[in-house]
């Protein structure tokens, strides 16, 4: 197995208030992590492996709960933080 695993994560929003997203990420999401997509902030409430990693790639399902829409300056800050990794 490879040293680093990259993940394709299917984010499903609880209550159907948003369609969710499928996003490639470098780090495995954890319960309590915050995630941003479509200019909105969500908190992850559950993470499950959809299938065992294949090579250096893992497939995960993450349930999340909508917290709030982000202001433009907040969105820029999240983008900057993500690019520093």
PDB file of N, CA and C in Angstrom:
ATOM      1  N   UNK A   1       0.846  -1.180   0.000  1.00  0.00           N
ATOM      2  CA  UNK A   1       0.000   0.000   0.000  1.00  0.00           C
ATOM      3  C   UNK A   1       0.891   1.244   0.000  1.00  0.00           C
ATOM      4  N   UNK A   2       0.437   2.291  -0.649  1.00  0.00           N
ATOM      5  CA  UNK A   2       1.186   3.533  -0.757  1.00  0.00           C
ATOM      6  C   UNK A   2       1.276   4.221   0.606  1.00  0.00           C
ATOM      7  N   UNK A   3       2.307   5.075   0.756  1.00  0.00           N
ATOM      8  CA  UNK A   3       2.474   5.805   2.015  1.00  0.00           C
ATOM      9  C   UNK A   3       1.366   6.831   2.221  1.00  0.00           C
ATOM     10  N   UNK A   4       1.045   7.584   1.176  1.00  0.00           N
ATOM     11  CA  UNK A   4       0.016   8.622   1.275  1.00  0.00           C
ATOM     12  C   UNK A   4      -1.257   8.141   0.598  1.00  0.00           C
ATOM     13  N   UNK A   5      -2.385   8.432   1.225  1.00  0.00           N
ATOM     14  CA  UNK A   5      -3.673   8.102   0.624  1.00  0.00           C
ATOM     15  C   UNK A   5      -4.422   9.405   0.387  1.00  0.00           C
ATOM     16  N   UNK A   6      -4.953   9.540  -0.799  1.00  0.00           N
ATOM     17  CA  UNK A   6      -5.778  10.673  -1.163  1.00  0.00           C
ATOM     18  C   UNK A   6      -7.221  10.173  -1.182  1.00  0.00           C
ATOM     19  N   UNK A   7      -8.159  11.064  -0.940  1.00  0.00           N
ATOM     20  CA  UNK A   7      -9.538  10.640  -0.762  1.00  0.00           C
ATOM     21  C   UNK A   7     -10.496  11.351  -1.708  1.00  0.00           C
ATOM     22  N   UNK A   8     -11.452  10.604  -2.203  1.00  0.00           N
ATOM     23  CA  UNK A   8     -12.620  11.158  -2.882  1.00  0.00           C
ATOM     24  C   UNK A   8     -13.747  11.015  -1.868  1.00  0.00           C
ATOM     25  N   UNK A   9     -14.318  12.154  -1.467  1.00  0.00           N
ATOM     26  CA  UNK A   9     -15.308  12.161  -0.399  1.00  0.00           C
ATOM     27  C   UNK A   9     -16.656  12.608  -0.946  1.00  0.00           C
ATOM     28  N   UNK A  10     -17.661  11.799  -0.674  1.00  0.00           N
ATOM     29  CA  UNK A  10     -19.036  12.149  -0.992  1.00  0.00           C
ATOM     30  C   UNK A  10     -19.640  12.784   0.256  1.00  0.00           C
ATOM     31  N   UNK A  11     -19.872  14.089   0.188  1.00  0.00           N
ATOM     32  CA  UNK A  11     -20.478  14.814   1.311  1.00  0.00           C
ATOM     33  C   UNK A  11     -21.990  14.863   1.108  1.00  0.00           C
ATOM     34  N   UNK A  12     -22.725  14.377   2.101  1.00  0.00           N
ATOM     35  CA  UNK A  12     -24.183  14.410   2.071  1.00  0.00           C
ATOM     36  C   UNK A  12     -24.652  15.292   3.221  1.00  0.00           C
ATOM     37  N   UNK A  13     -25.495  16.263   2.892  1.00  0.00           N
ATOM     38  CA  UNK A  13     -25.961  17.214   3.897  1.00  0.00           C
ATOM     39  C   UNK A  13     -27.229  16.682   4.560  1.00  0.00           C
ATOM     40  N   UNK A  14     -27.185  16.617   5.885  1.00  0.00           N
ATOM     41  CA  UNK A  14     -28.333  16.133   6.657  1.00  0.00           C
ATOM     42  C   UNK A  14     -29.560  17.007   6.404  1.00  0.00           C
ATOM     43  N   UNK A  15     -30.703  16.374   6.300  1.00  0.00           N
ATOM     44  CA  UNK A  15     -31.948  17.098   6.116  1.00  0.00           C
ATOM     45  C   UNK A  15     -32.228  17.507   4.681  1.00  0.00           C
ATOM     46  N   UNK A  16     -31.300  17.221   3.778  1.00  0.00           N
ATOM     47  CA  UNK A  16     -31.514  17.541   2.373  1.00  0.00           C
ATOM     48  C   UNK A  16     -31.562  19.023   2.064  1.00  0.00           C
ATOM     49  N   UNK A  17     -30.971  19.856   2.922  1.00  0.00           N
ATOM     50  CA  UNK A  17     -30.997  21.301   2.695  1.00  0.00           C
ATOM     51  C   UNK A  17     -30.036  21.744   1.605  1.00  0.00           C
ATOM     52  N   UNK A  18     -29.180  20.849   1.146  1.00  0.00           N
ATOM     53  CA  UNK A  18     -28.210  21.122   0.094  1.00  0.00           C
ATOM     54  C   UNK A  18     -27.937  19.806  -0.628  1.00  0.00           C
ATOM     55  N   UNK A  19     -27.628  19.890  -1.895  1.00  0.00           N
ATOM     56  CA  UNK A  19     -27.397  18.673  -2.688  1.00  0.00           C
ATOM     57  C   UNK A  19     -26.129  17.922  -2.292  1.00  0.00           C
ATOM     58  N   UNK A  20     -25.214  18.581  -1.562  1.00  0.00           N
ATOM     59  CA  UNK A  20     -23.960  17.938  -1.186  1.00  0.00           C
ATOM     60  C   UNK A  20     -22.906  18.143  -2.261  1.00  0.00           C
ATOM     61  N   UNK A  21     -21.827  17.349  -2.173  1.00  0.00           N
ATOM     62  CA  UNK A  21     -20.720  17.515  -3.119  1.00  0.00           C
ATOM     63  C   UNK A  21     -19.845  16.276  -3.091  1.00  0.00           C
ATOM     64  N   UNK A  22     -19.093  16.095  -4.154  1.00  0.00           N
ATOM     65  CA  UNK A  22     -18.049  15.079  -4.197  1.00  0.00           C
ATOM     66  C   UNK A  22     -16.756  15.835  -4.423  1.00  0.00           C
ATOM     67  N   UNK A  23     -15.824  15.689  -3.468  1.00  0.00           N
ATOM     68  CA  UNK A  23     -14.608  16.499  -3.473  1.00  0.00           C
ATOM     69  C   UNK A  23     -13.397  15.611  -3.238  1.00  0.00           C
ATOM     70  N   UNK A  24     -12.314  15.860  -3.969  1.00  0.00           N
ATOM     71  CA  UNK A  24     -11.033  15.193  -3.736  1.00  0.00           C
ATOM     72  C   UNK A  24     -10.293  15.952  -2.643  1.00  0.00           C
ATOM     73  N   UNK A  25      -9.817  15.228  -1.622  1.00  0.00           N
ATOM     74  CA  UNK A  25      -9.099  15.861  -0.510  1.00  0.00           C
ATOM     75  C   UNK A  25      -7.830  15.071  -0.197  1.00  0.00           C
ATOM     76  N   UNK A  26      -6.863  15.747   0.405  1.00  0.00           N
ATOM     77  CA  UNK A  26      -5.586  15.117   0.757  1.00  0.00           C
ATOM     78  C   UNK A  26      -5.638  14.407   2.098  1.00  0.00           C
ATOM     79  N   UNK A  27      -6.474  14.897   3.007  1.00  0.00           N
ATOM     80  CA  UNK A  27      -6.533  14.345   4.358  1.00  0.00           C
ATOM     81  C   UNK A  27      -7.900  13.734   4.622  1.00  0.00           C
ATOM     82  N   UNK A  28      -7.909  12.614   5.341  1.00  0.00           N
ATOM     83  CA  UNK A  28      -9.167  11.962   5.681  1.00  0.00           C
ATOM     84  C   UNK A  28      -9.983  12.874   6.598  1.00  0.00           C
ATOM     85  N   UNK A  29     -11.231  13.158   6.231  1.00  0.00           N
ATOM     86  CA  UNK A  29     -12.056  14.002   7.106  1.00  0.00           C
ATOM     87  C   UNK A  29     -12.392  13.281   8.401  1.00  0.00           C
ATOM     88  N   UNK A  30     -12.571  14.056   9.448  1.00  0.00           N
ATOM     89  CA  UNK A  30     -12.893  13.514  10.773  1.00  0.00           C
ATOM     90  C   UNK A  30     -14.176  14.171  11.280  1.00  0.00           C
ATOM     91  N   UNK A  31     -14.910  13.458  12.125  1.00  0.00           N
ATOM     92  CA  UNK A  31     -16.099  14.023  12.760  1.00  0.00           C
ATOM     93  C   UNK A  31     -15.681  15.289  13.514  1.00  0.00           C
ATOM     94  N   UNK A  32     -16.440  16.349  13.321  1.00  0.00           N
ATOM     95  CA  UNK A  32     -16.136  17.633  13.964  1.00  0.00           C
ATOM     96  C   UNK A  32     -15.380  18.589  13.070  1.00  0.00           C
ATOM     97  N   UNK A  33     -14.758  18.084  12.005  1.00  0.00           N
ATOM     98  CA  UNK A  33     -14.072  18.965  11.054  1.00  0.00           C
ATOM     99  C   UNK A  33     -15.096  19.846  10.356  1.00  0.00           C
ATOM    100  N   UNK A  34     -14.653  21.018   9.962  1.00  0.00           N
ATOM    101  CA  UNK A  34     -15.499  21.894   9.164  1.00  0.00           C
ATOM    102  C   UNK A  34     -15.079  21.761   7.708  1.00  0.00           C
ATOM    103  N   UNK A  35     -16.047  21.839   6.809  1.00  0.00           N
ATOM    104  CA  UNK A  35     -15.788  21.760   5.384  1.00  0.00           C
ATOM    105  C   UNK A  35     -16.590  22.867   4.699  1.00  0.00           C
ATOM    106  N   UNK A  36     -16.002  23.439   3.655  1.00  0.00           N
ATOM    107  CA  UNK A  36     -16.649  24.515   2.923  1.00  0.00           C
ATOM    108  C   UNK A  36     -16.858  24.073   1.483  1.00  0.00           C
ATOM    109  N   UNK A  37     -18.087  24.212   0.994  1.00  0.00           N
ATOM    110  CA  UNK A  37     -18.342  24.093  -0.434  1.00  0.00           C
ATOM    111  C   UNK A  37     -19.557  24.950  -0.779  1.00  0.00           C
ATOM    112  N   UNK A  38     -19.554  25.445  -2.007  1.00  0.00           N
ATOM    113  CA  UNK A  38     -20.616  26.338  -2.485  1.00  0.00           C
ATOM    114  C   UNK A  38     -20.798  27.564  -1.591  1.00  0.00           C
ATOM    115  N   UNK A  39     -19.708  28.039  -0.991  1.00  0.00           N
ATOM    116  CA  UNK A  39     -19.782  29.239  -0.167  1.00  0.00           C
ATOM    117  C   UNK A  39     -20.477  29.054   1.164  1.00  0.00           C
ATOM    118  N   UNK A  40     -20.645  27.790   1.569  1.00  0.00           N
ATOM    119  CA  UNK A  40     -21.325  27.493   2.825  1.00  0.00           C
ATOM    120  C   UNK A  40     -20.422  26.674   3.735  1.00  0.00           C
ATOM    121  N   UNK A  41     -20.630  26.831   5.026  1.00  0.00           N
ATOM    122  CA  UNK A  41     -19.844  26.124   6.030  1.00  0.00           C
ATOM    123  C   UNK A  41     -20.669  24.981   6.604  1.00  0.00           C
ATOM    124  N   UNK A  42     -20.051  23.788   6.685  1.00  0.00           N
ATOM    125  CA  UNK A  42     -20.699  22.599   7.212  1.00  0.00           C
ATOM    126  C   UNK A  42     -19.787  21.967   8.262  1.00  0.00           C
ATOM    127  N   UNK A  43     -20.365  21.203   9.183  1.00  0.00           N
ATOM    128  CA  UNK A  43     -19.586  20.432  10.143  1.00  0.00           C
ATOM    129  C   UNK A  43     -19.849  18.952   9.857  1.00  0.00           C
ATOM    130  N   UNK A  44     -18.789  18.161   9.877  1.00  0.00           N
ATOM    131  CA  UNK A  44     -18.905  16.734   9.585  1.00  0.00           C
ATOM    132  C   UNK A  44     -19.417  16.010  10.821  1.00  0.00           C
ATOM    133  N   UNK A  45     -20.463  15.196  10.630  1.00  0.00           N
ATOM    134  CA  UNK A  45     -21.086  14.484  11.745  1.00  0.00           C
ATOM    135  C   UNK A  45     -20.823  12.980  11.712  1.00  0.00           C
ATOM    136  N   UNK A  46     -20.396  12.450  10.548  1.00  0.00           N
ATOM    137  CA  UNK A  46     -20.142  11.016  10.423  1.00  0.00           C
ATOM    138  C   UNK A  46     -19.261  10.780   9.203  1.00  0.00           C
ATOM    139  N   UNK A  47     -18.354   9.821   9.298  1.00  0.00           N
ATOM    140  CA  UNK A  47     -17.498   9.446   8.170  1.00  0.00           C
ATOM    141  C   UNK A  47     -17.474   7.931   8.083  1.00  0.00           C
ATOM    142  N   UNK A  48     -17.703   7.422   6.886  1.00  0.00           N
ATOM    143  CA  UNK A  48     -17.658   5.976   6.665  1.00  0.00           C
ATOM    144  C   UNK A  48     -16.868   5.667   5.408  1.00  0.00           C
ATOM    145  N   UNK A  49     -16.137   4.578   5.454  1.00  0.00           N
ATOM    146  CA  UNK A  49     -15.394   4.122   4.293  1.00  0.00           C
ATOM    147  C   UNK A  49     -16.359   3.420   3.340  1.00  0.00           C
ATOM    148  N   UNK A  50     -16.387   3.843   2.085  1.00  0.00           N
ATOM    149  CA  UNK A  50     -17.270   3.208   1.110  1.00  0.00           C
ATOM    150  C   UNK A  50     -16.672   1.912   0.574  1.00  0.00           C
ATOM    151  N   UNK A  51     -15.353   1.898   0.440  1.00  0.00           N
ATOM    152  CA  UNK A  51     -14.647   0.690   0.027  1.00  0.00           C
ATOM    153  C   UNK A  51     -13.196   0.837   0.448  1.00  0.00           C
ATOM    154  N   UNK A  52     -12.489  -0.277   0.616  1.00  0.00           N
ATOM    155  CA  UNK A  52     -11.085  -0.187   1.033  1.00  0.00           C
ATOM    156  C   UNK A  52     -10.269   0.615   0.025  1.00  0.00           C
ATOM    157  N   UNK A  53      -9.212   1.295   0.508  1.00  0.00           N
ATOM    158  CA  UNK A  53      -8.369   2.064  -0.412  1.00  0.00           C
ATOM    159  C   UNK A  53      -7.837   1.180  -1.539  1.00  0.00           C
ATOM    160  N   UNK A  54      -7.768   1.784  -2.714  1.00  0.00           N
ATOM    161  CA  UNK A  54      -7.204   1.113  -3.882  1.00  0.00           C
ATOM    162  C   UNK A  54      -5.926   1.857  -4.249  1.00  0.00           C
ATOM    163  N   UNK A  55      -4.780   1.235  -3.973  1.00  0.00           N
ATOM    164  CA  UNK A  55      -3.514   1.932  -4.197  1.00  0.00           C
ATOM    165  C   UNK A  55      -3.402   3.096  -3.241  1.00  0.00           C
ATOM    166  N   UNK A  56      -3.296   4.294  -3.794  1.00  0.00           N
ATOM    167  CA  UNK A  56      -3.159   5.485  -2.947  1.00  0.00           C
ATOM    168  C   UNK A  56      -4.445   6.307  -2.904  1.00  0.00           C
ATOM    169  N   UNK A  57      -5.579   5.656  -3.180  1.00  0.00           N
ATOM    170  CA  UNK A  57      -6.842   6.388  -3.264  1.00  0.00           C
ATOM    171  C   UNK A  57      -7.924   5.728  -2.426  1.00  0.00           C
ATOM    172  N   UNK A  58      -8.613   6.504  -1.581  1.00  0.00           N
ATOM    173  CA  UNK A  58      -9.683   5.988  -0.744  1.00  0.00           C
ATOM    174  C   UNK A  58     -11.003   6.651  -1.087  1.00  0.00           C
ATOM    175  N   UNK A  59     -12.088   5.933  -0.857  1.00  0.00           N
ATOM    176  CA  UNK A  59     -13.427   6.440  -1.145  1.00  0.00           C
ATOM    177  C   UNK A  59     -14.216   6.511   0.155  1.00  0.00           C
ATOM    178  N   UNK A  60     -14.676   7.714   0.517  1.00  0.00           N
ATOM    179  CA  UNK A  60     -15.362   7.919   1.791  1.00  0.00           C
ATOM    180  C   UNK A  60     -16.708   8.600   1.601  1.00  0.00           C
ATOM    181  N   UNK A  61     -17.583   8.367   2.555  1.00  0.00           N
ATOM    182  CA  UNK A  61     -18.871   9.059   2.648  1.00  0.00           C
ATOM    183  C   UNK A  61     -18.818   9.881   3.929  1.00  0.00           C
ATOM    184  N   UNK A  62     -19.187  11.148   3.849  1.00  0.00           N
ATOM    185  CA  UNK A  62     -19.215  11.993   5.042  1.00  0.00           C
ATOM    186  C   UNK A  62     -20.567  12.693   5.124  1.00  0.00           C
ATOM    187  N   UNK A  63     -21.260  12.484   6.238  1.00  0.00           N
ATOM    188  CA  UNK A  63     -22.494  13.224   6.500  1.00  0.00           C
ATOM    189  C   UNK A  63     -22.095  14.535   7.162  1.00  0.00           C
ATOM    190  N   UNK A  64     -22.792  15.604   6.808  1.00  0.00           N
ATOM    191  CA  UNK A  64     -22.469  16.896   7.417  1.00  0.00           C
ATOM    192  C   UNK A  64     -23.740  17.700   7.639  1.00  0.00           C
ATOM    193  N   UNK A  65     -23.599  18.685   8.498  1.00  0.00           N
ATOM    194  CA  UNK A  65     -24.719  19.550   8.862  1.00  0.00           C
ATOM    195  C   UNK A  65     -24.375  20.978   8.474  1.00  0.00           C
ATOM    196  N   UNK A  66     -25.314  21.644   7.834  1.00  0.00           N
ATOM    197  CA  UNK A  66     -25.147  23.047   7.444  1.00  0.00           C
ATOM    198  C   UNK A  66     -25.014  23.917   8.691  1.00  0.00           C
ATOM    199  N   UNK A  67     -24.022  24.799   8.670  1.00  0.00           N
ATOM    200  CA  UNK A  67     -23.867  25.757   9.767  1.00  0.00           C
ATOM    201  C   UNK A  67     -24.311  27.157   9.348  1.00  0.00           C
ATOM    202  N   UNK A  68     -23.721  27.649   8.234  1.00  0.00           N
ATOM    203  CA  UNK A  68     -24.086  29.005   7.794  1.00  0.00           C
ATOM    204  C   UNK A  68     -23.426  29.321   6.460  1.00  0.00           C
ATOM    205  N   UNK A  69     -23.933  30.357   5.811  1.00  0.00           N
ATOM    206  CA  UNK A  69     -23.282  30.891   4.621  1.00  0.00           C
ATOM    207  C   UNK A  69     -22.068  31.699   5.076  1.00  0.00           C
ATOM    208  N   UNK A  70     -21.053  31.742   4.227  1.00  0.00           N
ATOM    209  CA  UNK A  70     -19.850  32.491   4.563  1.00  0.00           C
ATOM    210  C   UNK A  70     -19.845  33.841   3.867  1.00  0.00           C
ATOM    211  N   UNK A  71     -19.314  34.836   4.560  1.00  0.00           N
ATOM    212  CA  UNK A  71     -19.071  36.143   3.960  1.00  0.00           C
ATOM    213  C   UNK A  71     -17.854  36.004   3.029  1.00  0.00           C
ATOM    214  N   UNK A  72     -17.717  36.904   2.071  1.00  0.00           N
ATOM    215  CA  UNK A  72     -16.631  36.825   1.084  1.00  0.00           C
ATOM    216  C   UNK A  72     -15.260  36.766   1.750  1.00  0.00           C
ATOM    217  N   UNK A  73     -15.024  37.580   2.775  1.00  0.00           N
ATOM    218  CA  UNK A  73     -13.708  37.579   3.427  1.00  0.00           C
ATOM    219  C   UNK A  73     -13.451  36.262   4.160  1.00  0.00           C
ATOM    220  N   UNK A  74     -14.497  35.643   4.704  1.00  0.00           N
ATOM    221  CA  UNK A  74     -14.337  34.349   5.368  1.00  0.00           C
ATOM    222  C   UNK A  74     -14.005  33.266   4.350  1.00  0.00           C
ATOM    223  N   UNK A  75     -14.663  33.313   3.213  1.00  0.00           N
ATOM    224  CA  UNK A  75     -14.426  32.335   2.157  1.00  0.00           C
ATOM    225  C   UNK A  75     -12.980  32.431   1.671  1.00  0.00           C
ATOM    226  N   UNK A  76     -12.480  33.654   1.508  1.00  0.00           N
ATOM    227  CA  UNK A  76     -11.082  33.855   1.110  1.00  0.00           C
ATOM    228  C   UNK A  76     -10.131  33.264   2.143  1.00  0.00           C
ATOM    229  N   UNK A  77     -10.450  33.422   3.426  1.00  0.00           N
ATOM    230  CA  UNK A  77      -9.606  32.888   4.496  1.00  0.00           C
ATOM    231  C   UNK A  77      -9.578  31.358   4.456  1.00  0.00           C
ATOM    232  N   UNK A  78     -10.720  30.718   4.212  1.00  0.00           N
ATOM    233  CA  UNK A  78     -10.769  29.253   4.120  1.00  0.00           C
ATOM    234  C   UNK A  78      -9.974  28.765   2.919  1.00  0.00           C
ATOM    235  N   UNK A  79     -10.071  29.477   1.797  1.00  0.00           N
ATOM    236  CA  UNK A  79      -9.324  29.094   0.595  1.00  0.00           C
ATOM    237  C   UNK A  79      -7.822  29.219   0.850  1.00  0.00           C
ATOM    238  N   UNK A  80      -7.415  30.286   1.518  1.00  0.00           N
ATOM    239  CA  UNK A  80      -6.000  30.497   1.807  1.00  0.00           C
ATOM    240  C   UNK A  80      -5.483  29.406   2.749  1.00  0.00           C
ATOM    241  N   UNK A  81      -6.276  29.052   3.753  1.00  0.00           N
ATOM    242  CA  UNK A  81      -5.881  28.010   4.707  1.00  0.00           C
ATOM    243  C   UNK A  81      -5.732  26.662   3.993  1.00  0.00           C
ATOM    244  N   UNK A  82      -6.628  26.357   3.081  1.00  0.00           N
ATOM    245  CA  UNK A  82      -6.584  25.086   2.351  1.00  0.00           C
ATOM    246  C   UNK A  82      -5.368  25.007   1.442  1.00  0.00           C
ATOM    247  N   UNK A  83      -4.942  26.131   0.878  1.00  0.00           N
ATOM    248  CA  UNK A  83      -3.818  26.113  -0.049  1.00  0.00           C
ATOM    249  C   UNK A  83      -2.464  26.030   0.676  1.00  0.00           C
ATOM    250  N   UNK A  84      -2.434  26.288   1.978  1.00  0.00           N
ATOM    251  CA  UNK A  84      -1.189  26.250   2.746  1.00  0.00           C
ATOM    252  C   UNK A  84      -0.750  24.820   3.027  1.00  0.00           C
ATOM    253  N   UNK A  85      -1.674  23.883   3.087  1.00  0.00           N
ATOM    254  CA  UNK A  85      -1.363  22.494   3.450  1.00  0.00           C
ATOM    255  C   UNK A  85      -0.242  21.919   2.670  1.00  0.00           C
TER     256      UNK A  85
END
